[in-house]
Each structure stands twice: as C-alpha cells, then as structure tokens.
PDB file of N, CA and C in Angstrom:
ATOM      1  N   MET A   1       1.772  16.039 -33.489  1.00  0.00           N
ATOM      2  CA  MET A   1       1.254  15.940 -32.137  1.00  0.00           C
ATOM      3  C   MET A   1       2.060  16.877 -31.242  1.00  0.00           C
ATOM      4  N   ASN A   2       1.392  17.863 -30.644  1.00  0.00           N
ATOM      5  CA  ASN A   2       2.147  18.791 -29.806  1.00  0.00           C
ATOM      6  C   ASN A   2       2.431  18.184 -28.431  1.00  0.00           C
ATOM      7  N   LYS A   3       3.299  18.865 -27.670  1.00  0.00           N
ATOM      8  CA  LYS A   3       3.745  18.316 -26.388  1.00  0.00           C
ATOM      9  C   LYS A   3       2.615  18.177 -25.388  1.00  0.00           C
ATOM     10  N   LYS A   4       1.714  19.129 -25.358  1.00  0.00           N
ATOM     11  CA  LYS A   4       0.652  19.092 -24.359  1.00  0.00           C
ATOM     12  C   LYS A   4      -0.232  17.868 -24.549  1.00  0.00           C
ATOM     13  N   LYS A   5      -0.596  17.549 -25.789  1.00  0.00           N
ATOM     14  CA  LYS A   5      -1.415  16.369 -26.030  1.00  0.00           C
ATOM     15  C   LYS A   5      -0.636  15.096 -25.748  1.00  0.00           C
ATOM     16  N   TRP A   6       0.634  15.087 -26.105  1.00  0.00           N
ATOM     17  CA  TRP A   6       1.433  13.882 -25.891  1.00  0.00           C
ATOM     18  C   TRP A   6       1.585  13.589 -24.410  1.00  0.00           C
ATOM     19  N   ILE A   7       1.805  14.620 -23.621  1.00  0.00           N
ATOM     20  CA  ILE A   7       1.958  14.406 -22.185  1.00  0.00           C
ATOM     21  C   ILE A   7       0.615  14.087 -21.551  1.00  0.00           C
ATOM     22  N   SER A   8      -0.470  14.669 -22.045  1.00  0.00           N
ATOM     23  CA  SER A   8      -1.767  14.347 -21.469  1.00  0.00           C
ATOM     24  C   SER A   8      -2.151  12.902 -21.772  1.00  0.00           C
ATOM     25  N   PHE A   9      -1.529  12.293 -22.759  1.00  0.00           N
ATOM     26  CA  PHE A   9      -1.732  10.871 -23.014  1.00  0.00           C
ATOM     27  C   PHE A   9      -1.311  10.055 -21.804  1.00  0.00           C
ATOM     28  N   PHE A  10      -0.339  10.535 -21.080  1.00  0.00           N
ATOM     29  CA  PHE A  10       0.097   9.856 -19.857  1.00  0.00           C
ATOM     30  C   PHE A  10      -0.634  10.389 -18.628  1.00  0.00           C
ATOM     31  N   PHE A  11      -1.823  10.941 -18.818  1.00  0.00           N
ATOM     32  CA  PHE A  11      -2.760  11.368 -17.789  1.00  0.00           C
ATOM     33  C   PHE A  11      -2.359  12.647 -17.062  1.00  0.00           C
ATOM     34  N   LEU A  12      -1.324  13.321 -17.494  1.00  0.00           N
ATOM     35  CA  LEU A  12      -0.938  14.588 -16.886  1.00  0.00           C
ATOM     36  C   LEU A  12      -0.633  15.594 -17.989  1.00  0.00           C
ATOM     37  N   THR A  13      -1.056  16.835 -17.816  1.00  0.00           N
ATOM     38  CA  THR A  13      -0.670  17.865 -18.761  1.00  0.00           C
ATOM     39  C   THR A  13       0.634  18.489 -18.295  1.00  0.00           C
ATOM     40  N   LEU A  14       1.228  19.278 -19.152  1.00  0.00           N
ATOM     41  CA  LEU A  14       2.503  19.901 -18.830  1.00  0.00           C
ATOM     42  C   LEU A  14       2.379  20.811 -17.615  1.00  0.00           C
ATOM     43  N   ASN A  15       1.287  21.546 -17.493  1.00  0.00           N
ATOM     44  CA  ASN A  15       1.089  22.417 -16.332  1.00  0.00           C
ATOM     45  C   ASN A  15       0.951  21.609 -15.050  1.00  0.00           C
ATOM     46  N   GLU A  16       0.256  20.480 -15.094  1.00  0.00           N
ATOM     47  CA  GLU A  16       0.111  19.651 -13.904  1.00  0.00           C
ATOM     48  C   GLU A  16       1.441  19.062 -13.474  1.00  0.00           C
ATOM     49  N   ILE A  17       2.306  18.737 -14.422  1.00  0.00           N
ATOM     50  CA  ILE A  17       3.622  18.217 -14.063  1.00  0.00           C
ATOM     51  C   ILE A  17       4.424  19.289 -13.350  1.00  0.00           C
ATOM     52  N   ASN A  18       4.379  20.520 -13.841  1.00  0.00           N
ATOM     53  CA  ASN A  18       5.119  21.599 -13.193  1.00  0.00           C
ATOM     54  C   ASN A  18       4.578  21.882 -11.796  1.00  0.00           C
ATOM     55  N   MET A  19       3.252  21.860 -11.633  1.00  0.00           N
ATOM     56  CA  MET A  19       2.660  22.183 -10.341  1.00  0.00           C
ATOM     57  C   MET A  19       2.763  21.016  -9.364  1.00  0.00           C
ATOM     58  N   ASN A  20       2.606  19.814  -9.835  1.00  0.00           N
ATOM     59  CA  ASN A  20       2.551  18.642  -8.956  1.00  0.00           C
ATOM     60  C   ASN A  20       3.715  17.697  -9.205  1.00  0.00           C
ATOM     61  N   PHE A  21       4.910  18.232  -9.370  1.00  0.00           N
ATOM     62  CA  PHE A  21       6.041  17.363  -9.673  1.00  0.00           C
ATOM     63  C   PHE A  21       6.325  16.390  -8.538  1.00  0.00           C
ATOM     64  N   GLY A  22       6.108  16.837  -7.298  1.00  0.00           N
ATOM     65  CA  GLY A  22       6.332  15.951  -6.161  1.00  0.00           C
ATOM     66  C   GLY A  22       5.400  14.754  -6.186  1.00  0.00           C
ATOM     67  N   ILE A  23       4.143  14.993  -6.518  1.00  0.00           N
ATOM     68  CA  ILE A  23       3.174  13.899  -6.589  1.00  0.00           C
ATOM     69  C   ILE A  23       3.532  12.962  -7.745  1.00  0.00           C
ATOM     70  N   PHE A  24       3.911  13.527  -8.888  1.00  0.00           N
ATOM     71  CA  PHE A  24       4.291  12.710 -10.038  1.00  0.00           C
ATOM     72  C   PHE A  24       5.505  11.854  -9.701  1.00  0.00           C
ATOM     73  N   PHE A  25       6.471  12.448  -9.015  1.00  0.00           N
ATOM     74  CA  PHE A  25       7.669  11.710  -8.623  1.00  0.00           C
ATOM     75  C   PHE A  25       7.308  10.598  -7.648  1.00  0.00           C
ATOM     76  N   PHE A  26       6.335  10.858  -6.757  1.00  0.00           N
ATOM     77  CA  PHE A  26       5.895   9.857  -5.801  1.00  0.00           C
ATOM     78  C   PHE A  26       5.281   8.658  -6.515  1.00  0.00           C
ATOM     79  N   PHE A  27       4.489   8.907  -7.560  1.00  0.00           N
ATOM     80  CA  PHE A  27       3.876   7.804  -8.281  1.00  0.00           C
ATOM     81  C   PHE A  27       4.913   6.974  -9.018  1.00  0.00           C
ATOM     82  N   MET A  28       6.022   7.582  -9.394  1.00  0.00           N
ATOM     83  CA  MET A  28       7.080   6.812 -10.040  1.00  0.00           C
ATOM     84  C   MET A  28       7.774   5.921  -9.022  1.00  0.00           C
ATOM     85  N   ILE A  29       7.912   6.380  -7.786  1.00  0.00           N
ATOM     86  CA  ILE A  29       8.645   5.641  -6.765  1.00  0.00           C
ATOM     87  C   ILE A  29       7.775   4.593  -6.084  1.00  0.00           C
ATOM     88  N   LYS A  30       6.468   4.765  -6.053  1.00  0.00           N
ATOM     89  CA  LYS A  30       5.617   3.889  -5.266  1.00  0.00           C
ATOM     90  C   LYS A  30       5.659   2.433  -5.727  1.00  0.00           C
ATOM     91  N   ASN A  31       6.115   2.182  -6.943  1.00  0.00           N
ATOM     92  CA  ASN A  31       6.153   0.815  -7.436  1.00  0.00           C
ATOM     93  C   ASN A  31       7.315   0.022  -6.877  1.00  0.00           C
ATOM     94  N   LEU A  32       8.245   0.691  -6.197  1.00  0.00           N
ATOM     95  CA  LEU A  32       9.347  -0.020  -5.583  1.00  0.00           C
ATOM     96  C   LEU A  32       8.825  -0.778  -4.374  1.00  0.00           C
ATOM     97  N   SER A  33       9.198  -2.020  -4.231  1.00  0.00           N
ATOM     98  CA  SER A  33       8.764  -2.801  -3.082  1.00  0.00           C
ATOM     99  C   SER A  33       9.852  -3.799  -2.729  1.00  0.00           C
ATOM    100  N   VAL A  34       9.705  -4.414  -1.586  1.00  0.00           N
ATOM    101  CA  VAL A  34      10.673  -5.408  -1.144  1.00  0.00           C
ATOM    102  C   VAL A  34      10.420  -6.695  -1.906  1.00  0.00           C
ATOM    103  N   ARG A  35      11.467  -7.212  -2.501  1.00  0.00           N
ATOM    104  CA  ARG A  35      11.320  -8.460  -3.241  1.00  0.00           C
ATOM    105  C   ARG A  35      11.210  -9.629  -2.272  1.00  0.00           C
ATOM    106  N   PRO A  36      10.426 -10.641  -2.600  1.00  0.00           N
ATOM    107  CA  PRO A  36      10.296 -11.799  -1.714  1.00  0.00           C
ATOM    108  C   PRO A  36      11.617 -12.538  -1.510  1.00  0.00           C
ATOM    109  N   SER A  37      12.551 -12.407  -2.438  1.00  0.00           N
ATOM    110  CA  SER A  37      13.821 -13.102  -2.286  1.00  0.00           C
ATOM    111  C   SER A  37      14.662 -12.511  -1.161  1.00  0.00           C
ATOM    112  N   LEU A  38      14.350 -11.285  -0.720  1.00  0.00           N
ATOM    113  CA  LEU A  38      15.095 -10.667   0.368  1.00  0.00           C
ATOM    114  C   LEU A  38      14.623 -11.147   1.736  1.00  0.00           C
ATOM    115  N   ILE A  39      13.436 -11.727   1.802  1.00  0.00           N
ATOM    116  CA  ILE A  39      12.904 -12.249   3.059  1.00  0.00           C
ATOM    117  C   ILE A  39      13.335 -13.715   3.175  1.00  0.00           C
ATOM    118  N   PRO A  40      13.910 -14.103   4.320  1.00  0.00           N
ATOM    119  CA  PRO A  40      14.304 -15.512   4.478  1.00  0.00           C
ATOM    120  C   PRO A  40      13.110 -16.442   4.307  1.00  0.00           C
ATOM    121  N   ARG A  41      13.363 -17.622   3.769  1.00  0.00           N
ATOM    122  CA  ARG A  41      12.293 -18.571   3.468  1.00  0.00           C
ATOM    123  C   ARG A  41      11.494 -18.950   4.714  1.00  0.00           C
ATOM    124  N   GLU A  42      12.132 -19.004   5.880  1.00  0.00           N
ATOM    125  CA  GLU A  42      11.427 -19.390   7.102  1.00  0.00           C
ATOM    126  C   GLU A  42      10.413 -18.342   7.527  1.00  0.00           C
ATOM    127  N   GLN A  43      10.623 -17.079   7.144  1.00  0.00           N
ATOM    128  CA  GLN A  43       9.759 -16.003   7.615  1.00  0.00           C
ATOM    129  C   GLN A  43       8.701 -15.584   6.607  1.00  0.00           C
ATOM    130  N   ARG A  44       8.639 -16.195   5.458  1.00  0.00           N
ATOM    131  CA  ARG A  44       7.692 -15.740   4.420  1.00  0.00           C
ATOM    132  C   ARG A  44       6.241 -15.979   4.790  1.00  0.00           C
ATOM    133  N   GLY A  45       5.965 -16.969   5.606  1.00  0.00           N
ATOM    134  CA  GLY A  45       4.584 -17.239   5.981  1.00  0.00           C
ATOM    135  C   GLY A  45       4.232 -16.714   7.353  1.00  0.00           C
ATOM    136  N   SER A  46       5.157 -16.029   8.019  1.00  0.00           N
ATOM    137  CA  SER A  46       4.892 -15.548   9.363  1.00  0.00           C
ATOM    138  C   SER A  46       3.826 -14.454   9.335  1.00  0.00           C
ATOM    139  N   VAL A  47       3.234 -14.242  10.477  1.00  0.00           N
ATOM    140  CA  VAL A  47       2.176 -13.245  10.582  1.00  0.00           C
ATOM    141  C   VAL A  47       2.728 -11.860  10.246  1.00  0.00           C
ATOM    142  N   GLU A  48       3.947 -11.574  10.707  1.00  0.00           N
ATOM    143  CA  GLU A  48       4.532 -10.257  10.453  1.00  0.00           C
ATOM    144  C   GLU A  48       4.707  -9.999   8.967  1.00  0.00           C
ATOM    145  N   SER A  49       5.226 -10.993   8.237  1.00  0.00           N
ATOM    146  CA  SER A  49       5.435 -10.783   6.803  1.00  0.00           C
ATOM    147  C   SER A  49       4.108 -10.660   6.065  1.00  0.00           C
ATOM    148  N   GLN A  50       3.098 -11.421   6.489  1.00  0.00           N
ATOM    149  CA  GLN A  50       1.784 -11.309   5.861  1.00  0.00           C
ATOM    150  C   GLN A  50       1.174  -9.936   6.095  1.00  0.00           C
ATOM    151  N   VAL A  51       1.314  -9.417   7.318  1.00  0.00           N
ATOM    152  CA  VAL A  51       0.765  -8.097   7.635  1.00  0.00           C
ATOM    153  C   VAL A  51       1.505  -7.028   6.839  1.00  0.00           C
ATOM    154  N   CYS A  52       2.830  -7.156   6.713  1.00  0.00           N
ATOM    155  CA  CYS A  52       3.600  -6.181   5.926  1.00  0.00           C
ATOM    156  C   CYS A  52       3.172  -6.209   4.465  1.00  0.00           C
ATOM    157  N   TYR A  53       2.990  -7.401   3.921  1.00  0.00           N
ATOM    158  CA  TYR A  53       2.555  -7.533   2.529  1.00  0.00           C
ATOM    159  C   TYR A  53       1.166  -6.919   2.333  1.00  0.00           C
ATOM    160  N   LEU A  54       0.248  -7.221   3.247  1.00  0.00           N
ATOM    161  CA  LEU A  54      -1.110  -6.676   3.131  1.00  0.00           C
ATOM    162  C   LEU A  54      -1.115  -5.161   3.305  1.00  0.00           C
ATOM    163  N   THR A  55      -0.238  -4.637   4.161  1.00  0.00           N
ATOM    164  CA  THR A  55      -0.164  -3.190   4.343  1.00  0.00           C
ATOM    165  C   THR A  55       0.300  -2.512   3.060  1.00  0.00           C
ATOM    166  N   GLY A  56       1.263  -3.122   2.369  1.00  0.00           N
ATOM    167  CA  GLY A  56       1.696  -2.569   1.083  1.00  0.00           C
ATOM    168  C   GLY A  56       0.578  -2.570   0.055  1.00  0.00           C
ATOM    169  N   ARG A  57      -0.197  -3.662   0.015  1.00  0.00           N
ATOM    170  CA  ARG A  57      -1.320  -3.720  -0.911  1.00  0.00           C
ATOM    171  C   ARG A  57      -2.380  -2.686  -0.564  1.00  0.00           C
ATOM    172  N   ILE A  58      -2.615  -2.483   0.738  1.00  0.00           N
ATOM    173  CA  ILE A  58      -3.599  -1.497   1.172  1.00  0.00           C
ATOM    174  C   ILE A  58      -3.161  -0.099   0.751  1.00  0.00           C
ATOM    175  N   LYS A  59      -1.887   0.207   0.902  1.00  0.00           N
ATOM    176  CA  LYS A  59      -1.390   1.525   0.502  1.00  0.00           C
ATOM    177  C   LYS A  59      -1.542   1.744  -0.999  1.00  0.00           C
ATOM    178  N   ARG A  60      -1.211   0.712  -1.789  1.00  0.00           N
ATOM    179  CA  ARG A  60      -1.342   0.841  -3.239  1.00  0.00           C
ATOM    180  C   ARG A  60      -2.797   1.029  -3.651  1.00  0.00           C
ATOM    181  N   LEU A  61      -3.695   0.253  -3.049  1.00  0.00           N
ATOM    182  CA  LEU A  61      -5.114   0.385  -3.393  1.00  0.00           C
ATOM    183  C   LEU A  61      -5.679   1.733  -2.941  1.00  0.00           C
ATOM    184  N   THR A  62      -5.220   2.237  -1.807  1.00  0.00           N
ATOM    185  CA  THR A  62      -5.683   3.536  -1.336  1.00  0.00           C
ATOM    186  C   THR A  62      -5.261   4.630  -2.305  1.00  0.00           C
ATOM    187  N   GLU A  63      -4.029   4.561  -2.798  1.00  0.00           N
ATOM    188  CA  GLU A  63      -3.572   5.541  -3.784  1.00  0.00           C
ATOM    189  C   GLU A  63      -4.369   5.421  -5.078  1.00  0.00           C
ATOM    190  N   HIS A  64      -4.684   4.196  -5.465  1.00  0.00           N
ATOM    191  CA  HIS A  64      -5.491   3.988  -6.662  1.00  0.00           C
ATOM    192  C   HIS A  64      -6.883   4.605  -6.485  1.00  0.00           C
ATOM    193  N   LEU A  65      -7.467   4.414  -5.301  1.00  0.00           N
ATOM    194  CA  LEU A  65      -8.806   4.935  -5.063  1.00  0.00           C
ATOM    195  C   LEU A  65      -8.820   6.448  -4.914  1.00  0.00           C
ATOM    196  N   ASP A  66      -7.685   7.049  -4.570  1.00  0.00           N
ATOM    197  CA  ASP A  66      -7.618   8.512  -4.565  1.00  0.00           C
ATOM    198  C   ASP A  66      -7.796   9.049  -5.979  1.00  0.00           C
ATOM    199  N   LEU A  67      -7.266   8.325  -6.960  1.00  0.00           N
ATOM    200  CA  LEU A  67      -7.400   8.755  -8.354  1.00  0.00           C
ATOM    201  C   LEU A  67      -8.724   8.326  -8.974  1.00  0.00           C
ATOM    202  N   HIS A  68      -9.200   7.139  -8.598  1.00  0.00           N
ATOM    203  CA  HIS A  68     -10.410   6.562  -9.197  1.00  0.00           C
ATOM    204  C   HIS A  68     -11.425   6.294  -8.083  1.00  0.00           C
ATOM    205  N   GLY A  69     -12.095   7.333  -7.643  1.00  0.00           N
ATOM    206  CA  GLY A  69     -12.981   7.245  -6.488  1.00  0.00           C
ATOM    207  C   GLY A  69     -14.195   6.369  -6.684  1.00  0.00           C
ATOM    208  N   ARG A  70     -14.618   6.166  -7.922  1.00  0.00           N
ATOM    209  CA  ARG A  70     -15.840   5.393  -8.163  1.00  0.00           C
ATOM    210  C   ARG A  70     -15.549   3.951  -8.572  1.00  0.00           C
ATOM    211  N   ASP A  71     -14.369   3.473  -8.305  1.00  0.00           N
ATOM    212  CA  ASP A  71     -14.002   2.095  -8.622  1.00  0.00           C
ATOM    213  C   ASP A  71     -14.453   1.201  -7.464  1.00  0.00           C
ATOM    214  N   TYR A  72     -15.705   0.775  -7.523  1.00  0.00           N
ATOM    215  CA  TYR A  72     -16.303   0.089  -6.389  1.00  0.00           C
ATOM    216  C   TYR A  72     -15.770  -1.322  -6.209  1.00  0.00           C
ATOM    217  N   SER A  73     -15.340  -1.977  -7.259  1.00  0.00           N
ATOM    218  CA  SER A  73     -14.774  -3.311  -7.100  1.00  0.00           C
ATOM    219  C   SER A  73     -13.433  -3.240  -6.366  1.00  0.00           C
ATOM    220  N   SER A  74     -12.657  -2.187  -6.617  1.00  0.00           N
ATOM    221  CA  SER A  74     -11.410  -2.014  -5.869  1.00  0.00           C
ATOM    222  C   SER A  74     -11.695  -1.661  -4.416  1.00  0.00           C
ATOM    223  N   GLN A  75     -12.765  -0.914  -4.171  1.00  0.00           N
ATOM    224  CA  GLN A  75     -13.138  -0.610  -2.789  1.00  0.00           C
ATOM    225  C   GLN A  75     -13.484  -1.883  -2.034  1.00  0.00           C
ATOM    226  N   ARG A  76     -14.192  -2.769  -2.697  1.00  0.00           N
ATOM    227  CA  ARG A  76     -14.567  -4.028  -2.051  1.00  0.00           C
ATOM    228  C   ARG A  76     -13.331  -4.865  -1.762  1.00  0.00           C
ATOM    229  N   GLY A  77     -12.405  -4.918  -2.721  1.00  0.00           N
ATOM    230  CA  GLY A  77     -11.161  -5.639  -2.497  1.00  0.00           C
ATOM    231  C   GLY A  77     -10.354  -5.047  -1.358  1.00  0.00           C
ATOM    232  N   LEU A  78     -10.357  -3.719  -1.269  1.00  0.00           N
ATOM    233  CA  LEU A  78      -9.639  -3.051  -0.182  1.00  0.00           C
ATOM    234  C   LEU A  78     -10.225  -3.433   1.167  1.00  0.00           C
ATOM    235  N   TRP A  79     -11.548  -3.453   1.265  1.00  0.00           N
ATOM    236  CA  TRP A  79     -12.173  -3.806   2.538  1.00  0.00           C
ATOM    237  C   TRP A  79     -11.878  -5.254   2.921  1.00  0.00           C
ATOM    238  N   LYS A  80     -11.802  -6.141   1.936  1.00  0.00           N
ATOM    239  CA  LYS A  80     -11.469  -7.540   2.233  1.00  0.00           C
ATOM    240  C   LYS A  80     -10.041  -7.662   2.749  1.00  0.00           C
ATOM    241  N   ILE A  81      -9.127  -6.918   2.134  1.00  0.00           N
ATOM    242  CA  ILE A  81      -7.727  -6.958   2.568  1.00  0.00           C
ATOM    243  C   ILE A  81      -7.586  -6.355   3.961  1.00  0.00           C
ATOM    244  N   VAL A  82      -8.291  -5.258   4.227  1.00  0.00           N
ATOM    245  CA  VAL A  82      -8.242  -4.635   5.550  1.00  0.00           C
ATOM    246  C   VAL A  82      -8.769  -5.603   6.609  1.00  0.00           C
ATOM    247  N   GLY A  83      -9.837  -6.313   6.299  1.00  0.00           N
ATOM    248  CA  GLY A  83     -10.386  -7.294   7.240  1.00  0.00           C
ATOM    249  C   GLY A  83      -9.429  -8.432   7.519  1.00  0.00           C
ATOM    250  N   LYS A  84      -8.749  -8.892   6.487  1.00  0.00           N
ATOM    251  CA  LYS A  84      -7.786  -9.975   6.664  1.00  0.00           C
ATOM    252  C   LYS A  84      -6.618  -9.520   7.529  1.00  0.00           C
ATOM    253  N   ARG A  85      -6.134  -8.291   7.280  1.00  0.00           N
ATOM    254  CA  ARG A  85      -5.030  -7.765   8.094  1.00  0.00           C
ATOM    255  C   ARG A  85      -5.479  -7.579   9.537  1.00  0.00           C
ATOM    256  N   LYS A  86      -6.700  -7.141   9.720  1.00  0.00           N
ATOM    257  CA  LYS A  86      -7.226  -6.953  11.075  1.00  0.00           C
ATOM    258  C   LYS A  86      -7.289  -8.278  11.827  1.00  0.00           C
ATOM    259  N   ARG A  87      -7.741  -9.339  11.156  1.00  0.00           N
ATOM    260  CA  ARG A  87      -7.803 -10.659  11.796  1.00  0.00           C
ATOM    261  C   ARG A  87      -6.410 -11.155  12.163  1.00  0.00           C
ATOM    262  N   LEU A  88      -5.430 -10.928  11.281  1.00  0.00           N
ATOM    263  CA  LEU A  88      -4.058 -11.346  11.586  1.00  0.00           C
ATOM    264  C   LEU A  88      -3.498 -10.563  12.772  1.00  0.00           C
ATOM    265  N   LEU A  89      -3.793  -9.264  12.842  1.00  0.00           N
ATOM    266  CA  LEU A  89      -3.310  -8.466  13.963  1.00  0.00           C
ATOM    267  C   LEU A  89      -3.963  -8.894  15.279  1.00  0.00           C
ATOM    268  N   ILE A  90      -5.240  -9.241  15.252  1.00  0.00           N
ATOM    269  CA  ILE A  90      -5.912  -9.715  16.459  1.00  0.00           C
ATOM    270  C   ILE A  90      -5.303 -11.037  16.908  1.00  0.00           C
ATOM    271  N   TYR A  91      -5.022 -11.915  15.950  1.00  0.00           N
ATOM    272  CA  TYR A  91      -4.389 -13.193  16.276  1.00  0.00           C
ATOM    273  C   TYR A  91      -3.027 -12.967  16.929  1.00  0.00           C
ATOM    274  N   LEU A  92      -2.226 -12.082  16.349  1.00  0.00           N
ATOM    275  CA  LEU A  92      -0.904 -11.811  16.898  1.00  0.00           C
ATOM    276  C   LEU A  92      -1.007 -11.154  18.269  1.00  0.00           C
ATOM    277  N   PHE A  93      -1.992 -10.290  18.468  1.00  0.00           N
ATOM    278  CA  PHE A  93      -2.202  -9.644  19.763  1.00  0.00           C
ATOM    279  C   PHE A  93      -2.501 -10.677  20.840  1.00  0.00           C
ATOM    280  N   LYS A  94      -3.306 -11.687  20.496  1.00  0.00           N
ATOM    281  CA  LYS A  94      -3.658 -12.721  21.475  1.00  0.00           C
ATOM    282  C   LYS A  94      -2.493 -13.661  21.768  1.00  0.00           C
ATOM    283  N   LYS A  95      -1.672 -13.957  20.752  1.00  0.00           N
ATOM    284  CA  LYS A  95      -0.600 -14.939  20.913  1.00  0.00           C
ATOM    285  C   LYS A  95       0.671 -14.358  21.515  1.00  0.00           C
ATOM    286  N   ASP A  96       1.102 -13.201  21.036  1.00  0.00           N
ATOM    287  CA  ASP A  96       2.388 -12.651  21.481  1.00  0.00           C
ATOM    288  C   ASP A  96       2.347 -11.129  21.398  1.00  0.00           C
ATOM    289  N   ARG A  97       2.148 -10.504  22.547  1.00  0.00           N
ATOM    290  CA  ARG A  97       1.972  -9.043  22.563  1.00  0.00           C
ATOM    291  C   ARG A  97       3.260  -8.302  22.225  1.00  0.00           C
ATOM    292  N   LEU A  98       4.416  -8.873  22.559  1.00  0.00           N
ATOM    293  CA  LEU A  98       5.677  -8.192  22.248  1.00  0.00           C
ATOM    294  C   LEU A  98       5.891  -8.104  20.739  1.00  0.00           C
ATOM    295  N   ARG A  99       5.649  -9.202  20.022  1.00  0.00           N
ATOM    296  CA  ARG A  99       5.766  -9.177  18.563  1.00  0.00           C
ATOM    297  C   ARG A  99       4.751  -8.223  17.957  1.00  0.00           C
ATOM    298  N   TYR A 100       3.545  -8.204  18.541  1.00  0.00           N
ATOM    299  CA  TYR A 100       2.489  -7.303  18.060  1.00  0.00           C
ATOM    300  C   TYR A 100       2.919  -5.847  18.200  1.00  0.00           C
ATOM    301  N   LYS A 101       3.426  -5.488  19.376  1.00  0.00           N
ATOM    302  CA  LYS A 101       3.821  -4.095  19.611  1.00  0.00           C
ATOM    303  C   LYS A 101       4.987  -3.683  18.729  1.00  0.00           C
ATOM    304  N   SER A 102       5.940  -4.595  18.505  1.00  0.00           N
ATOM    305  CA  SER A 102       7.069  -4.246  17.633  1.00  0.00           C
ATOM    306  C   SER A 102       6.606  -4.093  16.186  1.00  0.00           C
ATOM    307  N   LEU A 103       5.659  -4.929  15.742  1.00  0.00           N
ATOM    308  CA  LEU A 103       5.144  -4.823  14.378  1.00  0.00           C
ATOM    309  C   LEU A 103       4.376  -3.522  14.177  1.00  0.00           C
ATOM    310  N   ILE A 104       3.548  -3.166  15.141  1.00  0.00           N
ATOM    311  CA  ILE A 104       2.791  -1.917  15.057  1.00  0.00           C
ATOM    312  C   ILE A 104       3.748  -0.728  15.010  1.00  0.00           C
ATOM    313  N   GLY A 105       4.818  -0.801  15.798  1.00  0.00           N
ATOM    314  CA  GLY A 105       5.801   0.276  15.794  1.00  0.00           C
ATOM    315  C   GLY A 105       6.556   0.374  14.480  1.00  0.00           C
ATOM    316  N   GLN A 106       6.921  -0.768  13.887  1.00  0.00           N
ATOM    317  CA  GLN A 106       7.653  -0.762  12.619  1.00  0.00           C
ATOM    318  C   GLN A 106       6.793  -0.236  11.484  1.00  0.00           C
ATOM    319  N   LEU A 107       5.535  -0.613  11.443  1.00  0.00           N
ATOM    320  CA  LEU A 107       4.668  -0.199  10.356  1.00  0.00           C
ATOM    321  C   LEU A 107       4.059   1.182  10.590  1.00  0.00           C
ATOM    322  N   ASP A 108       4.268   1.731  11.775  1.00  0.00           N
ATOM    323  CA  ASP A 108       3.758   3.056  12.124  1.00  0.00           C
ATOM    324  C   ASP A 108       2.240   3.123  11.895  1.00  0.00           C
ATOM    325  N   MET A 109       1.549   2.204  12.539  1.00  0.00           N
ATOM    326  CA  MET A 109       0.094   2.157  12.425  1.00  0.00           C
ATOM    327  C   MET A 109      -0.493   1.907  13.803  1.00  0.00           C
ATOM    328  N   ARG A 110      -1.768   2.177  13.923  1.00  0.00           N
ATOM    329  CA  ARG A 110      -2.421   1.887  15.185  1.00  0.00           C
ATOM    330  C   ARG A 110      -2.998   0.481  15.124  1.00  0.00           C
ATOM    331  N   GLY A 111      -3.256  -0.089  16.272  1.00  0.00           N
ATOM    332  CA  GLY A 111      -3.781  -1.440  16.330  1.00  0.00           C
ATOM    333  C   GLY A 111      -5.246  -1.490  15.991  1.00  0.00           C
ATOM    334  N   PRO A 112      -5.795  -2.697  15.927  1.00  0.00           N
ATOM    335  CA  PRO A 112      -7.229  -2.811  15.634  1.00  0.00           C
ATOM    336  C   PRO A 112      -8.047  -2.283  16.792  1.00  0.00           C
ATOM    337  N   ARG A 113      -9.248  -1.831  16.503  1.00  0.00           N
ATOM    338  CA  ARG A 113     -10.096  -1.235  17.543  1.00  0.00           C
ATOM    339  C   ARG A 113     -10.697  -2.280  18.426  1.00  0.00           C
TER     340      ARG A 113
END
C-alpha cells in the first residue's frame, strides 16, 4: 500500500495535506472543548452555559455541513439547535439585558433579529 492511498484513507491525499495544512490542523484542534467538570455545578443549568454549549454544537455541525453539504438530517438538527439558542437568547434579553449583552460580547455573536 503506497503512501498516497494510505493517507487518502483518512480522507486527505498527500497533496491536500501540503496545500491545506492549516485546515487539517484546525480539524485536529476543533475537538477540544471545555469539560463540564470545569463549570461550577450551580452554573451548569444557567442560560449562559446552555447558550455556550449550543453555540459549540452549532459550530461543530456547521463545520460538518461544510464537508457534507447534502446531509439533510444534520441540517434539520442544526436548525433545531439554532432555534433553541434563539429562544434562550430572547428569554435572557427580556429578563436581564446586562447578562445578555455580556454573553453576546463573550461569544462574539450578534443577537437574535
């Protein structure tokens, strides 16, 4: 088995690794996430932690859909997660605008329309 076939088994050829090493390195790093044990137990169910968790899932699914554009079941799941995050952000906007603005600033995202 030559090197080109062996590397293409992992979905990239040797030329693609040389040209897109930054993207390949990004896919290796994207699996790193904050462990739930690092978040205090009192804050695990808060709106902020839920929005952060959903934002991470949205980013992962978006990257997946960049590679697999015709995965319609993942698209549907993504839209459900986006809707849930939107409802949580609207709730936080109505209850406490200061927490909402700080969360939007930390996640570097715009608010719901």
